Amino acid sequence: MDKRKKSKKMEYLVSYISQRLEGMKGIPSVLADRALKIGALSFFALFAGSYMGRQMESVNFIFWSAAICIFGLAYSFRLVRCGERNGYETVEGMVYALKGRHSIGRVYQVGIRLEDGRLAWLLMDKRYRFRVGRKYRFYFNKERQNVLLGIKNLDAALNIGSFYGAEELE
């Protein structure tokens, strides 16, 4: 009887893991890449912080390193869950204009021509590089949009976490 329970538990565990792996195949590469990088940085912060905390004999340093690791892993897990549950919104289109790339400030405007011919402007951080004439797919969070206070730069600054990334389409 005990062996049967163990074998049933093992079968359930194997089927659960295979279901989770099947769900992870549908995650866009942008979200998976971002989750992987955040997870790796979290572990690096834990290991480096633990080492430095031991060297300096500071328990607080180790504690805060562990806290940073936990929050980073939680955010990474949230990104993976968002990808599994399709909790993101995509915008596909061809970039037709870039405004404010070389001006002072943190953001610039990216003009996009959508598939149906409509034109849209996105405020993007300057660390993201786009080329005119190329097609991109932009990934956004469904829940964290429409901050819209009316001031473009303030809206972009407060809209942290709504843009997951972009991938170039061929």
Protein backbone atom coordinates (compact mmCIF):
# COMPACT_ATOMS: atom_id res chain seq x y z
CA MET A 1 0.00 0.00 0.00
CA ASP A 2 2.82 2.38 0.86
CA LYS A 3 4.55 1.75 -2.49
CA ARG A 4 1.33 2.49 -4.37
CA LYS A 5 0.97 5.86 -2.63
CA LYS A 6 4.56 6.74 -3.44
CA SER A 7 4.19 5.70 -7.06
CA LYS A 8 0.98 7.74 -7.41
CA LYS A 9 2.72 10.76 -5.88
CA MET A 10 5.64 10.33 -8.25
CA GLU A 11 3.29 10.03 -11.25
CA TYR A 12 1.51 13.18 -10.14
CA LEU A 13 4.82 14.99 -9.68
CA VAL A 14 6.05 13.96 -13.13
CA SER A 15 2.79 15.02 -14.79
CA TYR A 16 2.81 18.35 -12.92
CA ILE A 17 6.39 19.09 -14.00
CA SER A 18 5.62 18.19 -17.62
CA GLN A 19 2.56 20.48 -17.58
CA ARG A 20 4.67 23.35 -16.20
CA LEU A 21 7.31 22.80 -18.87
CA GLU A 22 4.65 22.78 -21.60
CA GLY A 23 3.33 26.09 -20.26
CA MET A 24 6.80 27.61 -20.29
CA LYS A 25 7.23 26.91 -24.02
CA GLY A 26 4.64 29.58 -24.78
CA ILE A 27 6.49 32.36 -22.94
CA PRO A 28 7.84 35.03 -25.29
CA SER A 29 11.62 35.17 -25.46
CA VAL A 30 11.63 38.78 -24.26
CA LEU A 31 9.94 37.87 -20.97
CA ALA A 32 11.98 34.70 -20.49
CA ASP A 33 15.24 36.55 -21.14
CA ARG A 34 14.33 39.32 -18.72
CA ALA A 35 13.29 36.84 -16.02
CA LEU A 36 16.53 34.89 -16.47
CA LYS A 37 18.68 38.01 -16.20
CA ILE A 38 16.86 39.27 -13.10
CA GLY A 39 17.12 35.84 -11.47
CA ALA A 40 20.84 35.60 -12.21
CA LEU A 41 21.46 39.09 -10.83
CA SER A 42 19.50 38.19 -7.71
CA PHE A 43 21.66 35.16 -7.04
CA PHE A 44 24.80 37.18 -7.74
CA ALA A 45 23.64 39.79 -5.20
CA LEU A 46 23.05 37.01 -2.67
CA PHE A 47 26.45 35.37 -3.15
CA ALA A 48 28.45 38.59 -3.33
CA GLY A 49 26.55 40.08 -0.39
CA SER A 50 27.00 36.98 1.72
CA TYR A 51 30.71 36.91 1.00
CA MET A 52 31.17 40.62 1.75
CA GLY A 53 28.98 40.33 4.86
CA ARG A 54 31.15 37.52 6.19
CA GLN A 55 34.32 39.47 5.41
CA MET A 56 33.03 42.58 7.18
CA GLU A 57 31.29 40.55 9.89
CA SER A 58 28.04 42.36 9.23
CA VAL A 59 24.78 40.47 9.64
CA ASN A 60 22.83 43.40 8.21
CA PHE A 61 24.77 43.18 4.95
CA ILE A 62 23.88 39.49 4.61
CA PHE A 63 20.25 40.18 5.53
CA TRP A 64 19.84 42.91 2.91
CA SER A 65 21.56 40.77 0.29
CA ALA A 66 19.10 37.98 1.00
CA ALA A 67 16.19 40.45 0.85
CA ILE A 68 17.35 41.75 -2.54
CA CYS A 69 17.64 38.17 -3.79
CA ILE A 70 14.14 37.28 -2.59
CA PHE A 71 12.55 40.34 -4.20
CA GLY A 72 14.44 39.76 -7.44
CA LEU A 73 13.38 36.12 -7.60
CA ALA A 74 9.77 37.08 -6.83
CA TYR A 75 9.81 39.59 -9.70
CA SER A 76 11.38 36.99 -11.98
CA PHE A 77 8.70 34.47 -11.01
CA ARG A 78 6.04 37.12 -11.66
CA LEU A 79 7.40 37.66 -15.17
CA VAL A 80 7.30 33.93 -15.89
CA ARG A 81 3.72 33.68 -14.58
CA CYS A 82 2.75 36.69 -16.69
CA GLY A 83 4.12 34.92 -19.75
CA GLU A 84 2.34 31.67 -18.93
CA ARG A 85 -1.03 33.34 -18.36
CA ASN A 86 -0.72 35.80 -21.28
CA GLY A 87 -0.85 38.72 -18.85
CA TYR A 88 0.86 40.96 -21.36
CA GLU A 89 -0.28 43.04 -24.27
CA THR A 90 1.57 43.28 -27.57
CA VAL A 91 1.80 46.07 -30.10
CA GLU A 92 3.24 45.19 -33.50
CA GLY A 93 4.24 47.69 -36.08
CA MET A 94 6.92 49.34 -38.17
CA VAL A 95 8.89 52.22 -36.72
CA TYR A 96 8.51 55.19 -39.03
CA ALA A 97 9.94 58.04 -36.92
CA LEU A 98 12.11 58.75 -33.88
CA LYS A 99 11.82 62.10 -32.11
CA GLY A 100 13.93 63.43 -29.29
CA ARG A 101 16.65 60.79 -29.47
CA HIS A 102 19.46 63.31 -29.03
CA SER A 103 17.65 65.85 -26.84
CA ILE A 104 18.00 66.25 -23.10
CA GLY A 105 15.83 63.93 -21.06
CA ARG A 106 15.24 60.33 -20.25
CA VAL A 107 12.67 59.41 -22.90
CA TYR A 108 12.12 59.83 -26.60
CA GLN A 109 9.18 59.29 -28.93
CA VAL A 110 8.91 56.31 -31.25
CA GLY A 111 6.39 56.57 -34.08
CA ILE A 112 4.83 53.23 -35.03
CA ARG A 113 2.66 52.33 -38.00
CA LEU A 114 0.39 49.51 -36.86
CA GLU A 115 -0.75 46.60 -39.04
CA ASP A 116 -4.11 48.25 -39.77
CA GLY A 117 -2.45 51.49 -40.92
CA ARG A 118 -3.03 53.55 -37.78
CA LEU A 119 -0.18 55.62 -36.38
CA ALA A 120 0.81 55.52 -32.72
CA TRP A 121 3.48 57.22 -30.63
CA LEU A 122 5.21 55.48 -27.75
CA LEU A 123 7.38 57.14 -25.11
CA MET A 124 10.40 54.89 -24.70
CA ASP A 125 13.45 55.03 -22.47
CA LYS A 126 16.58 56.09 -24.34
CA ARG A 127 18.42 52.90 -23.47
CA TYR A 128 16.21 51.02 -25.95
CA ARG A 129 17.43 51.39 -29.54
CA PHE A 130 15.11 51.17 -32.51
CA ARG A 131 15.71 51.68 -36.23
CA VAL A 132 13.40 53.40 -38.66
CA GLY A 133 11.89 51.05 -41.23
CA ARG A 134 12.11 47.91 -39.09
CA LYS A 135 9.20 45.96 -37.61
CA TYR A 136 9.04 45.41 -33.85
CA ARG A 137 6.78 43.70 -31.35
CA PHE A 138 6.45 45.61 -28.07
CA TYR A 139 5.37 43.84 -24.87
CA PHE A 140 3.44 45.75 -22.19
CA ASN A 141 1.84 44.90 -18.86
CA LYS A 142 -1.96 44.93 -19.09
CA GLU A 143 -2.53 46.23 -15.55
CA ARG A 144 0.07 48.97 -15.33
CA GLN A 145 -0.91 51.21 -18.18
CA ASN A 146 -2.79 54.46 -18.48
CA VAL A 147 -1.11 56.47 -15.76
CA LEU A 148 -1.74 59.57 -17.90
CA LEU A 149 -1.40 62.65 -15.78
CA GLY A 150 -1.06 64.77 -18.90
CA ILE A 151 2.65 65.50 -18.62
CA LYS A 152 4.41 63.16 -21.05
CA ASN A 153 7.73 62.88 -19.24
CA LEU A 154 6.03 62.40 -15.86
CA ASP A 155 3.76 59.72 -17.34
CA ALA A 156 6.78 57.86 -18.71
CA ALA A 157 8.61 58.14 -15.38
CA LEU A 158 5.63 56.87 -13.37
CA ASN A 159 4.86 54.06 -15.81
CA ILE A 160 7.72 51.94 -14.49
CA GLY A 161 7.23 48.24 -15.04
CA SER A 162 4.66 48.52 -17.81
CA PHE A 163 7.13 47.95 -20.65
CA TYR A 164 8.66 44.48 -20.69
CA GLY A 165 10.70 44.70 -23.86
CA ALA A 166 10.67 44.61 -27.64
CA GLU A 167 11.78 42.17 -30.27
CA GLU A 168 12.60 42.82 -33.88
CA LEU A 169 10.47 40.96 -36.40
CA GLU A 170 11.68 39.90 -39.80
